[in-house]
Amino acid sequence: MIGLALSGGGYRASLFHLGVMARLADDGLLNKVRVISSVSGGSIIGAYYYKRMCEELANNSLETDEDYKQLLEQVMKEFPYLCSG
């Protein structure tokens, strides 16, 4: 089990956290994250990732490490539009 702590720092922090999450996905560890704790900028990406993950889990679409990589890639594509208002 892995707990992921996402700190504050506004939009820049969210971009940093996407990089950390991408590394976890590349290493096959993102699917092992069971707890996300976040504040401020970390909450922006943490909440959005959690929302998208729940949608995929409801569709039984997250089974392999590759599925988690694809989910994060989709989140990374959608993220700039989420914050552009």
N, C-alpha and C. Protein backbone atom coordinates (compact mmCIF):
# COMPACT_ATOMS: atom_id res chain seq x y z
N MET A 1 0.85 -1.17 0.00
CA MET A 1 0.00 0.00 0.00
C MET A 1 0.90 1.24 0.00
N ILE A 2 0.50 2.22 -0.78
CA ILE A 2 1.24 3.47 -0.87
C ILE A 2 0.29 4.62 -0.55
N GLY A 3 0.76 5.56 0.25
CA GLY A 3 0.05 6.81 0.49
C GLY A 3 0.76 7.91 -0.27
N LEU A 4 0.02 8.76 -0.95
CA LEU A 4 0.58 9.82 -1.77
C LEU A 4 0.20 11.16 -1.16
N ALA A 5 1.21 11.96 -0.78
CA ALA A 5 0.98 13.28 -0.20
C ALA A 5 1.28 14.33 -1.27
N LEU A 6 0.29 15.17 -1.58
CA LEU A 6 0.43 16.21 -2.60
C LEU A 6 0.35 17.56 -1.90
N SER A 7 1.45 18.29 -1.93
CA SER A 7 1.55 19.55 -1.19
C SER A 7 0.94 20.71 -1.96
N GLY A 8 0.96 21.86 -1.32
CA GLY A 8 0.42 23.07 -1.93
C GLY A 8 1.44 23.76 -2.82
N GLY A 9 1.01 24.84 -3.42
CA GLY A 9 1.87 25.62 -4.30
C GLY A 9 1.17 26.03 -5.57
N GLY A 10 -0.16 25.96 -5.57
CA GLY A 10 -0.92 26.41 -6.72
C GLY A 10 -0.77 25.53 -7.93
N TYR A 11 -0.95 26.14 -9.09
CA TYR A 11 -0.92 25.43 -10.36
C TYR A 11 0.43 24.75 -10.59
N ARG A 12 1.51 25.42 -10.21
CA ARG A 12 2.85 24.82 -10.38
C ARG A 12 2.96 23.52 -9.62
N ALA A 13 2.42 23.48 -8.42
CA ALA A 13 2.47 22.25 -7.62
C ALA A 13 1.72 21.13 -8.32
N SER A 14 0.59 21.47 -8.93
CA SER A 14 -0.19 20.46 -9.64
C SER A 14 0.62 19.86 -10.78
N LEU A 15 1.35 20.69 -11.50
CA LEU A 15 2.19 20.18 -12.59
C LEU A 15 3.30 19.29 -12.06
N PHE A 16 3.91 19.69 -10.96
CA PHE A 16 4.95 18.86 -10.34
C PHE A 16 4.37 17.50 -9.93
N HIS A 17 3.20 17.53 -9.32
CA HIS A 17 2.58 16.29 -8.86
C HIS A 17 2.23 15.37 -10.02
N LEU A 18 1.85 15.94 -11.16
CA LEU A 18 1.61 15.11 -12.34
C LEU A 18 2.88 14.35 -12.73
N GLY A 19 4.02 15.03 -12.62
CA GLY A 19 5.29 14.38 -12.92
C GLY A 19 5.59 13.24 -11.97
N VAL A 20 5.33 13.46 -10.70
CA VAL A 20 5.56 12.41 -9.70
C VAL A 20 4.63 11.22 -9.98
N MET A 21 3.38 11.52 -10.27
CA MET A 21 2.42 10.45 -10.55
C MET A 21 2.79 9.70 -11.83
N ALA A 22 3.33 10.42 -12.82
CA ALA A 22 3.78 9.76 -14.05
C ALA A 22 4.92 8.80 -13.75
N ARG A 23 5.83 9.20 -12.88
CA ARG A 23 6.93 8.31 -12.50
C ARG A 23 6.40 7.07 -11.78
N LEU A 24 5.45 7.27 -10.88
CA LEU A 24 4.84 6.12 -10.20
C LEU A 24 4.19 5.19 -11.22
N ALA A 25 3.51 5.76 -12.21
CA ALA A 25 2.87 4.93 -13.25
C ALA A 25 3.92 4.18 -14.05
N ASP A 26 4.99 4.86 -14.42
CA ASP A 26 6.06 4.22 -15.20
C ASP A 26 6.70 3.06 -14.43
N ASP A 27 6.78 3.21 -13.12
CA ASP A 27 7.38 2.17 -12.28
C ASP A 27 6.37 1.10 -11.84
N GLY A 28 5.12 1.20 -12.32
CA GLY A 28 4.10 0.23 -11.96
C GLY A 28 3.61 0.35 -10.53
N LEU A 29 3.70 1.57 -9.97
CA LEU A 29 3.31 1.77 -8.57
C LEU A 29 2.03 2.59 -8.39
N LEU A 30 1.58 3.26 -9.44
CA LEU A 30 0.40 4.12 -9.29
C LEU A 30 -0.84 3.33 -8.88
N ASN A 31 -0.95 2.11 -9.36
CA ASN A 31 -2.09 1.28 -8.99
C ASN A 31 -2.04 0.80 -7.54
N LYS A 32 -0.91 1.03 -6.87
CA LYS A 32 -0.77 0.63 -5.46
C LYS A 32 -1.10 1.77 -4.50
N VAL A 33 -1.35 2.96 -5.03
CA VAL A 33 -1.72 4.11 -4.18
C VAL A 33 -3.13 3.87 -3.65
N ARG A 34 -3.25 3.86 -2.34
CA ARG A 34 -4.55 3.63 -1.69
C ARG A 34 -5.07 4.85 -0.96
N VAL A 35 -4.18 5.81 -0.67
CA VAL A 35 -4.57 7.01 0.07
C VAL A 35 -3.91 8.21 -0.59
N ILE A 36 -4.69 9.26 -0.82
CA ILE A 36 -4.14 10.52 -1.30
C ILE A 36 -4.49 11.59 -0.28
N SER A 37 -3.46 12.28 0.19
CA SER A 37 -3.63 13.40 1.11
C SER A 37 -3.12 14.64 0.39
N SER A 38 -3.91 15.71 0.40
CA SER A 38 -3.50 16.88 -0.39
C SER A 38 -3.97 18.18 0.26
N VAL A 39 -3.28 19.24 -0.11
CA VAL A 39 -3.67 20.60 0.28
C VAL A 39 -3.46 21.51 -0.93
N SER A 40 -4.20 22.56 -0.99
CA SER A 40 -4.03 23.63 -1.96
C SER A 40 -3.83 23.10 -3.38
N GLY A 41 -2.71 23.45 -4.01
CA GLY A 41 -2.44 23.03 -5.39
C GLY A 41 -2.45 21.53 -5.57
N GLY A 42 -2.03 20.80 -4.56
CA GLY A 42 -2.06 19.35 -4.64
C GLY A 42 -3.48 18.81 -4.70
N SER A 43 -4.41 19.54 -4.11
CA SER A 43 -5.81 19.12 -4.14
C SER A 43 -6.42 19.25 -5.51
N ILE A 44 -5.91 20.19 -6.31
CA ILE A 44 -6.44 20.37 -7.66
C ILE A 44 -6.26 19.08 -8.45
N ILE A 45 -5.05 18.60 -8.50
CA ILE A 45 -4.78 17.39 -9.28
C ILE A 45 -5.22 16.14 -8.54
N GLY A 46 -5.08 16.12 -7.22
CA GLY A 46 -5.50 14.95 -6.45
C GLY A 46 -6.98 14.65 -6.61
N ALA A 47 -7.80 15.68 -6.51
CA ALA A 47 -9.25 15.50 -6.64
C ALA A 47 -9.63 15.10 -8.06
N TYR A 48 -8.99 15.73 -9.04
CA TYR A 48 -9.33 15.41 -10.42
C TYR A 48 -8.91 13.98 -10.78
N TYR A 49 -7.72 13.60 -10.37
CA TYR A 49 -7.27 12.23 -10.62
C TYR A 49 -8.22 11.23 -9.94
N TYR A 50 -8.59 11.50 -8.71
CA TYR A 50 -9.48 10.60 -7.97
C TYR A 50 -10.84 10.48 -8.68
N LYS A 51 -11.36 11.59 -9.15
CA LYS A 51 -12.64 11.59 -9.87
C LYS A 51 -12.55 10.71 -11.11
N ARG A 52 -11.50 10.90 -11.90
CA ARG A 52 -11.34 10.13 -13.13
C ARG A 52 -11.08 8.65 -12.82
N MET A 53 -10.33 8.37 -11.76
CA MET A 53 -10.06 7.00 -11.38
C MET A 53 -11.35 6.29 -10.98
N CYS A 54 -12.19 6.97 -10.20
CA CYS A 54 -13.48 6.38 -9.79
C CYS A 54 -14.36 6.07 -11.00
N GLU A 55 -14.35 6.95 -11.99
CA GLU A 55 -15.12 6.71 -13.21
C GLU A 55 -14.63 5.45 -13.92
N GLU A 56 -13.32 5.31 -14.01
CA GLU A 56 -12.74 4.14 -14.67
C GLU A 56 -13.00 2.87 -13.86
N LEU A 57 -12.90 2.95 -12.54
CA LEU A 57 -13.18 1.78 -11.72
C LEU A 57 -14.64 1.35 -11.83
N ALA A 58 -15.55 2.31 -11.95
CA ALA A 58 -16.97 1.99 -12.10
C ALA A 58 -17.23 1.23 -13.40
N ASN A 59 -16.39 1.48 -14.40
CA ASN A 59 -16.51 0.79 -15.69
C ASN A 59 -15.62 -0.44 -15.77
N ASN A 60 -15.01 -0.81 -14.66
CA ASN A 60 -14.08 -1.94 -14.62
C ASN A 60 -12.97 -1.80 -15.66
N SER A 61 -12.48 -0.56 -15.83
CA SER A 61 -11.49 -0.28 -16.86
C SER A 61 -10.06 -0.19 -16.33
N LEU A 62 -9.87 -0.39 -15.04
CA LEU A 62 -8.52 -0.30 -14.47
C LEU A 62 -8.13 -1.66 -13.90
N GLU A 63 -7.36 -2.39 -14.68
CA GLU A 63 -6.94 -3.71 -14.23
C GLU A 63 -5.44 -3.88 -14.24
N THR A 64 -4.76 -3.24 -15.18
CA THR A 64 -3.32 -3.45 -15.34
C THR A 64 -2.55 -2.16 -15.11
N ASP A 65 -1.24 -2.28 -14.98
CA ASP A 65 -0.39 -1.10 -14.86
C ASP A 65 -0.56 -0.19 -16.08
N GLU A 66 -0.72 -0.79 -17.24
CA GLU A 66 -0.91 -0.01 -18.48
C GLU A 66 -2.21 0.80 -18.43
N ASP A 67 -3.25 0.24 -17.82
CA ASP A 67 -4.51 0.97 -17.68
C ASP A 67 -4.31 2.23 -16.84
N TYR A 68 -3.52 2.12 -15.77
CA TYR A 68 -3.25 3.28 -14.92
C TYR A 68 -2.40 4.31 -15.65
N LYS A 69 -1.45 3.84 -16.46
CA LYS A 69 -0.65 4.77 -17.26
C LYS A 69 -1.54 5.54 -18.23
N GLN A 70 -2.44 4.83 -18.88
CA GLN A 70 -3.34 5.47 -19.83
C GLN A 70 -4.27 6.46 -19.14
N LEU A 71 -4.73 6.11 -17.95
CA LEU A 71 -5.57 7.03 -17.18
C LEU A 71 -4.81 8.31 -16.87
N LEU A 72 -3.58 8.17 -16.40
CA LEU A 72 -2.80 9.36 -16.07
C LEU A 72 -2.49 10.18 -17.32
N GLU A 73 -2.22 9.53 -18.43
CA GLU A 73 -1.99 10.26 -19.68
C GLU A 73 -3.22 11.08 -20.05
N GLN A 74 -4.40 10.50 -19.86
CA GLN A 74 -5.64 11.22 -20.15
C GLN A 74 -5.82 12.40 -19.20
N VAL A 75 -5.54 12.20 -17.93
CA VAL A 75 -5.61 13.28 -16.95
C VAL A 75 -4.66 14.41 -17.34
N MET A 76 -3.46 14.05 -17.78
CA MET A 76 -2.47 15.06 -18.17
C MET A 76 -2.94 15.85 -19.39
N LYS A 77 -3.64 15.20 -20.31
CA LYS A 77 -4.17 15.89 -21.48
C LYS A 77 -5.30 16.84 -21.10
N GLU A 78 -6.16 16.40 -20.17
CA GLU A 78 -7.33 17.19 -19.77
C GLU A 78 -6.99 18.31 -18.81
N PHE A 79 -5.91 18.15 -18.07
CA PHE A 79 -5.61 19.08 -16.97
C PHE A 79 -5.51 20.55 -17.37
N PRO A 80 -4.82 20.90 -18.46
CA PRO A 80 -4.73 22.34 -18.80
C PRO A 80 -6.11 22.95 -19.06
N TYR A 81 -7.03 22.17 -19.62
CA TYR A 81 -8.38 22.68 -19.90
C TYR A 81 -9.20 22.81 -18.63
N LEU A 82 -8.91 21.94 -17.66
CA LEU A 82 -9.58 22.01 -16.37
C LEU A 82 -9.28 23.33 -15.66
N CYS A 83 -8.06 23.82 -15.80
CA CYS A 83 -7.62 25.01 -15.09
C CYS A 83 -7.73 26.29 -15.91
N SER A 84 -8.20 26.20 -17.15
CA SER A 84 -8.23 27.41 -17.98
C SER A 84 -9.49 28.22 -17.80
N GLY A 85 -10.44 27.71 -17.02
CA GLY A 85 -11.62 28.48 -16.69
C GLY A 85 -12.54 28.63 -17.83
